[in-house]
Amino acid sequence: MDDQLAHVLDDLHREGRAHDGPLADRLLRLRNMTPDAARLIATLIRARHASSVLEIGTSNGYSAIWFADAVRDTGGRLTTVEIDGARVAAARANLERAGVGGHVDVVHGDGAEVLAGTPDATVDLVVLDAERPAYVDYWPHLRRILKPYGVLAVDNASSHREQVAAFHELLTTEQEFAVALHEVGDGVLTGVRLR
């Protein structure tokens, strides 16, 4: 990680905490991933040598910067999806400021629609950091688009355990996934597709 990128991440983390602190309405918050969770997922991208990474839930691009830095190392590409137009603009600006904009496609759209339009077995790693109740509905597409030994990473699996519980159970009952809950940041649930 170069100094420019580290500086932007530090600024965004500090600004995000200051922004979210006084806001009671969760939809108004940026809800950025914690640095430890983003670092873990970036490590998984590198370990998997992922060439195709899909993130659902961009916000202002904080986590996308971590992931773009990782795909820069693997020679891959990140697609990150955000439904809010103002946040799409902020994410694009932040990615450019961090020097990784050339490794990312920021899509202004609905995560479910993007998943539905993604071809079969084309994604190495999917990150879910969006509206958690929707994840169960995403499941058929997530199974379909992940490559063999593809990785699924779900943020907030500990901090919002009750909202992720149905998806966690669904993932765990599937014999084709190796599942682990990592108590890092707000909790990262991972599933590796075995076949």
Protein backbone atom coordinates (compact mmCIF):
# COMPACT_ATOMS: atom_id res chain seq x y z
CA MET A 1 0.00 0.00 0.00
CA ASP A 2 1.54 3.31 -1.04
CA ASP A 3 1.56 6.46 1.08
CA GLN A 4 -1.05 8.29 -1.03
CA LEU A 5 -3.54 5.45 -0.71
CA ALA A 6 -2.89 5.01 3.02
CA HIS A 7 -3.40 8.76 3.57
CA VAL A 8 -6.75 8.73 1.72
CA LEU A 9 -7.92 5.69 3.69
CA ASP A 10 -6.98 7.34 6.99
CA ASP A 11 -8.84 10.52 6.00
CA LEU A 12 -11.95 8.62 4.90
CA HIS A 13 -12.01 6.46 8.01
CA ARG A 14 -11.78 9.51 10.27
CA GLU A 15 -14.36 11.45 8.23
CA GLY A 16 -16.72 8.47 8.16
CA ARG A 17 -16.67 8.04 11.93
CA ALA A 18 -17.23 11.78 12.46
CA HIS A 19 -20.08 11.78 9.91
CA ASP A 20 -21.88 8.71 11.27
CA GLY A 21 -21.47 9.41 14.97
CA PRO A 22 -24.34 11.87 15.51
CA LEU A 23 -26.76 10.31 12.98
CA ALA A 24 -29.59 8.18 14.34
CA ASP A 25 -30.93 7.27 10.89
CA ARG A 26 -28.74 4.41 9.62
CA LEU A 27 -29.63 5.17 5.99
CA LEU A 28 -27.99 8.58 6.31
CA ARG A 29 -24.77 7.07 7.64
CA LEU A 30 -21.88 6.12 5.39
CA ARG A 31 -21.57 2.79 7.23
CA ASN A 32 -18.03 2.14 6.05
CA MET A 33 -16.42 -1.20 6.69
CA THR A 34 -13.90 -1.28 9.53
CA PRO A 35 -10.22 -1.16 8.51
CA ASP A 36 -9.63 -4.66 9.93
CA ALA A 37 -12.51 -6.19 7.96
CA ALA A 38 -11.44 -4.44 4.75
CA ARG A 39 -7.84 -5.58 5.31
CA LEU A 40 -8.99 -9.20 5.78
CA ILE A 41 -11.01 -9.16 2.55
CA ALA A 42 -8.16 -7.49 0.65
CA THR A 43 -5.92 -10.30 1.89
CA LEU A 44 -8.43 -12.88 0.65
CA ILE A 45 -8.42 -11.20 -2.77
CA ARG A 46 -4.65 -11.50 -2.92
CA ALA A 47 -4.60 -15.07 -1.57
CA ARG A 48 -7.23 -16.17 -4.09
CA HIS A 49 -5.33 -14.22 -6.77
CA ALA A 50 -8.76 -12.92 -7.73
CA SER A 51 -9.10 -11.43 -11.17
CA SER A 52 -12.80 -10.61 -10.84
CA VAL A 53 -14.16 -9.07 -7.61
CA LEU A 54 -17.71 -7.83 -7.12
CA GLU A 55 -18.70 -5.61 -4.19
CA ILE A 56 -22.36 -4.91 -3.44
CA GLY A 57 -22.58 -1.71 -1.38
CA THR A 58 -19.98 0.93 -2.21
CA SER A 59 -21.00 3.91 -0.07
CA ASN A 60 -18.23 6.51 -0.49
CA GLY A 61 -15.68 3.98 -1.72
CA TYR A 62 -13.71 3.37 1.48
CA SER A 63 -13.69 -0.42 1.22
CA ALA A 64 -13.45 -0.27 -2.57
CA ILE A 65 -10.08 1.46 -2.19
CA TRP A 66 -8.80 -1.48 -0.14
CA PHE A 67 -10.11 -3.96 -2.73
CA ALA A 68 -8.88 -1.96 -5.72
CA ASP A 69 -5.39 -1.93 -4.22
CA ALA A 70 -5.61 -5.73 -3.93
CA VAL A 71 -6.79 -6.28 -7.53
CA ARG A 72 -4.04 -3.95 -8.70
CA ASP A 73 -1.66 -6.53 -7.20
CA THR A 74 -3.46 -9.51 -8.79
CA GLY A 75 -3.91 -7.89 -12.19
CA GLY A 76 -7.65 -8.13 -11.72
CA ARG A 77 -10.60 -5.77 -11.67
CA LEU A 78 -13.15 -4.66 -9.08
CA THR A 79 -16.77 -3.91 -9.88
CA THR A 80 -18.52 -2.10 -7.04
CA VAL A 81 -22.25 -1.38 -6.99
CA GLU A 82 -24.04 1.49 -5.25
CA ILE A 83 -27.68 2.55 -5.56
CA ASP A 84 -27.27 6.12 -4.26
CA GLY A 85 -26.13 8.56 -6.96
CA ALA A 86 -24.39 11.00 -4.61
CA ARG A 87 -22.39 8.17 -3.07
CA VAL A 88 -21.44 6.88 -6.52
CA ALA A 89 -19.95 10.30 -7.32
CA ALA A 90 -18.15 10.41 -3.97
CA ALA A 91 -16.76 6.90 -4.47
CA ARG A 92 -15.43 7.70 -7.93
CA ALA A 93 -13.73 10.84 -6.62
CA ASN A 94 -12.23 9.00 -3.65
CA LEU A 95 -10.96 6.13 -5.79
CA GLU A 96 -9.26 8.60 -8.13
CA ARG A 97 -7.79 10.51 -5.19
CA ALA A 98 -6.36 7.23 -3.86
CA GLY A 99 -4.82 6.48 -7.26
CA VAL A 100 -6.75 3.26 -7.92
CA GLY A 101 -9.65 4.50 -10.06
CA GLY A 102 -8.24 2.72 -13.11
CA HIS A 103 -8.79 -0.68 -11.49
CA VAL A 104 -12.47 -0.23 -10.62
CA ASP A 105 -15.83 0.01 -12.34
CA VAL A 106 -18.29 1.89 -10.12
CA VAL A 107 -21.81 0.90 -11.14
CA HIS A 108 -24.76 3.09 -10.21
CA GLY A 109 -27.46 0.49 -9.80
CA ASP A 110 -29.28 -2.07 -7.71
CA GLY A 111 -27.23 -4.97 -6.36
CA ALA A 112 -29.90 -7.56 -7.12
CA GLU A 113 -30.12 -6.44 -10.74
CA VAL A 114 -26.35 -6.47 -11.18
CA LEU A 115 -26.15 -9.97 -9.70
CA ALA A 116 -28.95 -11.15 -12.00
CA GLY A 117 -27.07 -9.80 -15.04
CA THR A 118 -23.70 -11.32 -14.11
CA PRO A 119 -22.74 -14.37 -16.20
CA ASP A 120 -22.35 -17.81 -14.60
CA ALA A 121 -19.05 -18.77 -12.92
CA THR A 122 -17.29 -15.48 -13.70
CA VAL A 123 -16.52 -14.00 -10.26
CA ASP A 124 -13.67 -15.00 -7.95
CA LEU A 125 -14.81 -13.09 -4.88
CA VAL A 126 -18.06 -11.35 -3.89
CA VAL A 127 -18.30 -8.86 -1.02
CA LEU A 128 -21.71 -8.15 0.51
CA ASP A 129 -21.96 -4.90 2.47
CA ALA A 130 -25.44 -3.68 1.61
CA GLU A 131 -28.99 -4.20 2.89
CA ARG A 132 -28.60 -7.42 4.85
CA PRO A 133 -32.23 -8.67 4.63
CA ALA A 134 -31.76 -8.90 0.84
CA TYR A 135 -28.92 -11.42 1.01
CA VAL A 136 -31.16 -14.49 1.12
CA ASP A 137 -32.79 -13.33 -2.13
CA TYR A 138 -29.31 -12.87 -3.64
CA TRP A 139 -28.40 -16.48 -2.89
CA PRO A 140 -29.32 -18.18 -6.21
CA HIS A 141 -27.27 -15.62 -8.14
CA LEU A 142 -24.34 -15.76 -5.72
CA ARG A 143 -24.10 -19.53 -6.17
CA ARG A 144 -24.42 -19.17 -9.92
CA ILE A 145 -21.81 -16.45 -10.50
CA LEU A 146 -19.02 -17.72 -8.19
CA LYS A 147 -16.24 -19.71 -9.80
CA PRO A 148 -15.13 -22.97 -8.21
CA TYR A 149 -13.17 -22.04 -5.07
CA GLY A 150 -14.68 -18.59 -5.29
CA VAL A 151 -15.07 -16.69 -2.04
CA LEU A 152 -18.09 -14.96 -0.56
CA ALA A 153 -17.36 -12.36 2.16
CA VAL A 154 -20.16 -10.78 4.20
CA ASP A 155 -19.48 -7.79 6.46
CA ASN A 156 -21.32 -7.06 9.74
CA ALA A 157 -21.81 -10.75 10.47
CA SER A 158 -21.19 -10.19 14.20
CA SER A 159 -22.39 -6.62 14.75
CA HIS A 160 -25.69 -7.38 12.99
CA ARG A 161 -25.78 -11.11 13.65
CA GLU A 162 -29.59 -11.27 13.77
CA GLN A 163 -29.88 -9.63 10.33
CA VAL A 164 -27.33 -12.01 8.80
CA ALA A 165 -28.56 -15.13 10.66
CA ALA A 166 -30.86 -16.47 7.93
CA PHE A 167 -28.19 -16.03 5.28
CA HIS A 168 -25.53 -17.58 7.56
CA GLU A 169 -27.79 -20.59 8.11
CA LEU A 170 -28.48 -20.89 4.38
CA LEU A 171 -24.78 -20.78 3.57
CA THR A 172 -23.91 -23.26 6.33
CA THR A 173 -26.47 -25.85 5.22
CA GLU A 174 -24.98 -25.89 1.71
CA GLN A 175 -22.55 -28.79 1.44
CA GLU A 176 -20.71 -27.07 -1.39
CA PHE A 177 -19.36 -24.22 0.79
CA ALA A 178 -16.75 -24.17 3.54
CA VAL A 179 -18.01 -21.51 5.98
CA ALA A 180 -16.21 -19.53 8.69
CA LEU A 181 -17.08 -16.53 10.83
CA HIS A 182 -14.09 -14.27 11.47
CA GLU A 183 -14.39 -12.05 14.55
CA VAL A 184 -12.58 -9.20 12.82
CA GLY A 185 -13.98 -5.67 12.77
CA ASP A 186 -17.77 -6.06 12.76
CA GLY A 187 -17.42 -9.73 11.83
CA VAL A 188 -16.75 -11.19 8.39
CA LEU A 189 -18.60 -14.32 7.32
CA THR A 190 -16.81 -16.20 4.56
CA GLY A 191 -17.86 -19.04 2.35
CA VAL A 192 -15.54 -20.79 -0.10
CA ARG A 193 -17.23 -22.66 -2.92
CA LEU A 194 -15.76 -26.16 -2.98
CA ARG A 195 -17.38 -27.41 -6.19
